[in-house]
Amino acid sequence: MGLTEDILRESQRGRILQILMTVFPEAVSFSDLYASMVRQGSTIKNFQALAFHIGYLKDRGYVRLEKLRSGRADIELNLVRLTAHGVDLLDRRILPDPGVAF
């Protein structure tokens, strides 16, 4: 992978955090997050790429994953929520993460 791909991934992670900040402390579904990124001109390829970035951000403690279940319809919705640690990163109260750019 080249430098261009690294920068693209880092900026996509930053965009995810910025979108989540706009609704903090609420959570967002994967599909709504993906749609927001596409509307804002992101070149994120698909849900698998989004899941990759969410996994990275989760492992770093910036987001939390939640599942919302509907008992009657037996539907499960995957949600993403920004954590306080993620807010601190966006507000520059902690050291920058080289894997996230904004």
C-alpha atoms as a PDB file:
ATOM      1  CA  MET A   1       0.000   0.000   0.000  1.00  0.00           C
ATOM      2  CA  GLY A   2       1.224   3.418  -0.880  1.00  0.00           C
ATOM      3  CA  LEU A   3       1.257   6.726   0.870  1.00  0.00           C
ATOM      4  CA  THR A   4      -1.843   7.892  -1.005  1.00  0.00           C
ATOM      5  CA  GLU A   5      -3.876   4.918   0.238  1.00  0.00           C
ATOM      6  CA  ASP A   6      -2.649   5.479   3.804  1.00  0.00           C
ATOM      7  CA  ILE A   7      -3.683   9.132   3.729  1.00  0.00           C
ATOM      8  CA  LEU A   8      -7.080   8.204   2.275  1.00  0.00           C
ATOM      9  CA  ARG A   9      -7.742   5.638   5.020  1.00  0.00           C
ATOM     10  CA  GLU A  10      -6.635   8.053   7.742  1.00  0.00           C
ATOM     11  CA  SER A  11      -8.922  10.793   6.412  1.00  0.00           C
ATOM     12  CA  GLN A  12     -11.859   8.378   6.130  1.00  0.00           C
ATOM     13  CA  ARG A  13     -11.420   7.453   9.797  1.00  0.00           C
ATOM     14  CA  GLY A  14     -11.320  11.124  10.706  1.00  0.00           C
ATOM     15  CA  ARG A  15     -14.491  11.766   8.698  1.00  0.00           C
ATOM     16  CA  ILE A  16     -16.252   8.927  10.552  1.00  0.00           C
ATOM     17  CA  LEU A  17     -15.384  10.511  13.894  1.00  0.00           C
ATOM     18  CA  GLN A  18     -16.485  13.954  12.707  1.00  0.00           C
ATOM     19  CA  ILE A  19     -19.857  12.600  11.565  1.00  0.00           C
ATOM     20  CA  LEU A  20     -20.359  10.821  14.881  1.00  0.00           C
ATOM     21  CA  MET A  21     -19.487  14.039  16.726  1.00  0.00           C
ATOM     22  CA  THR A  22     -22.421  15.807  15.045  1.00  0.00           C
ATOM     23  CA  VAL A  23     -24.878  13.452  16.786  1.00  0.00           C
ATOM     24  CA  PHE A  24     -22.931  12.801  20.006  1.00  0.00           C
ATOM     25  CA  PRO A  25     -23.963  11.290  22.408  1.00  0.00           C
ATOM     26  CA  GLU A  26     -26.402   9.451  20.136  1.00  0.00           C
ATOM     27  CA  ALA A  27     -25.485   6.414  18.036  1.00  0.00           C
ATOM     28  CA  VAL A  28     -25.715   6.067  14.249  1.00  0.00           C
ATOM     29  CA  SER A  29     -26.496   2.977  12.189  1.00  0.00           C
ATOM     30  CA  PHE A  30     -23.834   1.648   9.835  1.00  0.00           C
ATOM     31  CA  SER A  31     -26.102   2.394   6.868  1.00  0.00           C
ATOM     32  CA  ASP A  32     -26.735   6.011   7.951  1.00  0.00           C
ATOM     33  CA  LEU A  33     -23.029   6.531   8.580  1.00  0.00           C
ATOM     34  CA  TYR A  34     -22.158   5.126   5.165  1.00  0.00           C
ATOM     35  CA  ALA A  35     -24.809   7.312   3.492  1.00  0.00           C
ATOM     36  CA  SER A  36     -23.472  10.408   5.279  1.00  0.00           C
ATOM     37  CA  MET A  37     -19.961   9.670   4.104  1.00  0.00           C
ATOM     38  CA  VAL A  38     -21.068   9.212   0.498  1.00  0.00           C
ATOM     39  CA  ARG A  39     -23.132  12.440   0.616  1.00  0.00           C
ATOM     40  CA  GLN A  40     -20.050  14.292   1.858  1.00  0.00           C
ATOM     41  CA  GLY A  41     -17.993  13.042  -1.072  1.00  0.00           C
ATOM     42  CA  SER A  42     -16.098  10.208   0.603  1.00  0.00           C
ATOM     43  CA  THR A  43     -14.578   7.622  -1.688  1.00  0.00           C
ATOM     44  CA  ILE A  44     -15.231   4.807   0.780  1.00  0.00           C
ATOM     45  CA  LYS A  45     -15.931   1.766  -1.374  1.00  0.00           C
ATOM     46  CA  ASN A  46     -18.484  -0.306   0.533  1.00  0.00           C
ATOM     47  CA  PHE A  47     -19.778  -1.477   3.913  1.00  0.00           C
ATOM     48  CA  GLN A  48     -16.807  -3.832   4.266  1.00  0.00           C
ATOM     49  CA  ALA A  49     -14.419  -0.869   4.055  1.00  0.00           C
ATOM     50  CA  LEU A  50     -16.559   1.018   6.579  1.00  0.00           C
ATOM     51  CA  ALA A  51     -16.507  -1.999   8.923  1.00  0.00           C
ATOM     52  CA  PHE A  52     -12.695  -2.106   8.612  1.00  0.00           C
ATOM     53  CA  HIS A  53     -12.400   1.533   9.723  1.00  0.00           C
ATOM     54  CA  ILE A  54     -14.974   1.102  12.499  1.00  0.00           C
ATOM     55  CA  GLY A  55     -13.000  -1.900  13.764  1.00  0.00           C
ATOM     56  CA  TYR A  56      -9.818   0.163  13.884  1.00  0.00           C
ATOM     57  CA  LEU A  57     -11.555   3.031  15.677  1.00  0.00           C
ATOM     58  CA  LYS A  58     -13.160   0.595  18.128  1.00  0.00           C
ATOM     59  CA  ASP A  59      -9.816  -1.039  18.922  1.00  0.00           C
ATOM     60  CA  ARG A  60      -8.340   2.417  19.606  1.00  0.00           C
ATOM     61  CA  GLY A  61     -11.246   3.229  21.955  1.00  0.00           C
ATOM     62  CA  TYR A  62     -12.712   6.052  19.845  1.00  0.00           C
ATOM     63  CA  VAL A  63     -16.052   4.376  19.083  1.00  0.00           C
ATOM     64  CA  ARG A  64     -18.303   1.788  20.670  1.00  0.00           C
ATOM     65  CA  LEU A  65     -20.450  -0.720  18.780  1.00  0.00           C
ATOM     66  CA  GLU A  66     -23.996  -1.467  19.861  1.00  0.00           C
ATOM     67  CA  LYS A  67     -26.769  -3.707  18.599  1.00  0.00           C
ATOM     68  CA  LEU A  68     -30.386  -2.645  18.617  1.00  0.00           C
ATOM     69  CA  ARG A  69     -32.897  -5.469  18.444  1.00  0.00           C
ATOM     70  CA  SER A  70     -36.557  -5.367  17.627  1.00  0.00           C
ATOM     71  CA  GLY A  71     -38.254  -8.228  19.416  1.00  0.00           C
ATOM     72  CA  ARG A  72     -41.361  -8.409  17.266  1.00  0.00           C
ATOM     73  CA  ALA A  73     -39.717  -8.118  13.871  1.00  0.00           C
ATOM     74  CA  ASP A  74     -36.565 -10.034  14.843  1.00  0.00           C
ATOM     75  CA  ILE A  75     -34.437  -7.310  13.270  1.00  0.00           C
ATOM     76  CA  GLU A  76     -30.969  -6.365  14.466  1.00  0.00           C
ATOM     77  CA  LEU A  77     -29.417  -2.980  13.732  1.00  0.00           C
ATOM     78  CA  ASN A  78     -25.686  -2.297  14.150  1.00  0.00           C
ATOM     79  CA  LEU A  79     -24.970   1.098  15.688  1.00  0.00           C
ATOM     80  CA  VAL A  80     -21.787   3.105  16.195  1.00  0.00           C
ATOM     81  CA  ARG A  81     -21.353   5.633  19.007  1.00  0.00           C
ATOM     82  CA  LEU A  82     -18.492   8.063  19.611  1.00  0.00           C
ATOM     83  CA  THR A  83     -16.801   7.617  22.996  1.00  0.00           C
ATOM     84  CA  ALA A  84     -15.434  10.303  25.290  1.00  0.00           C
ATOM     85  CA  HIS A  85     -11.965   9.246  24.131  1.00  0.00           C
ATOM     86  CA  GLY A  86     -13.035   9.923  20.537  1.00  0.00           C
ATOM     87  CA  VAL A  87     -14.307  13.369  21.534  1.00  0.00           C
ATOM     88  CA  ASP A  88     -10.965  14.062  23.211  1.00  0.00           C
ATOM     89  CA  LEU A  89      -9.138  13.124  20.001  1.00  0.00           C
ATOM     90  CA  LEU A  90     -11.326  15.426  17.915  1.00  0.00           C
ATOM     91  CA  ASP A  91     -10.955  18.242  20.458  1.00  0.00           C
ATOM     92  CA  ARG A  92      -7.182  17.678  20.507  1.00  0.00           C
ATOM     93  CA  ARG A  93      -7.106  17.027  24.249  1.00  0.00           C
ATOM     94  CA  ILE A  94      -5.052  13.889  23.687  1.00  0.00           C
ATOM     95  CA  LEU A  95      -2.063  13.198  21.470  1.00  0.00           C
ATOM     96  CA  PRO A  96      -2.851  12.813  17.764  1.00  0.00           C
ATOM     97  CA  ASP A  97      -3.343   9.310  16.407  1.00  0.00           C
ATOM     98  CA  PRO A  98      -1.227   8.715  13.275  1.00  0.00           C
ATOM     99  CA  GLY A  99      -3.973   6.444  11.936  1.00  0.00           C
ATOM    100  CA  VAL A 100      -6.633   9.184  12.005  1.00  0.00           C
ATOM    101  CA  ALA A 101      -6.543  12.480  10.097  1.00  0.00           C
ATOM    102  CA  PHE A 102      -9.001  15.381  10.204  1.00  0.00           C
END
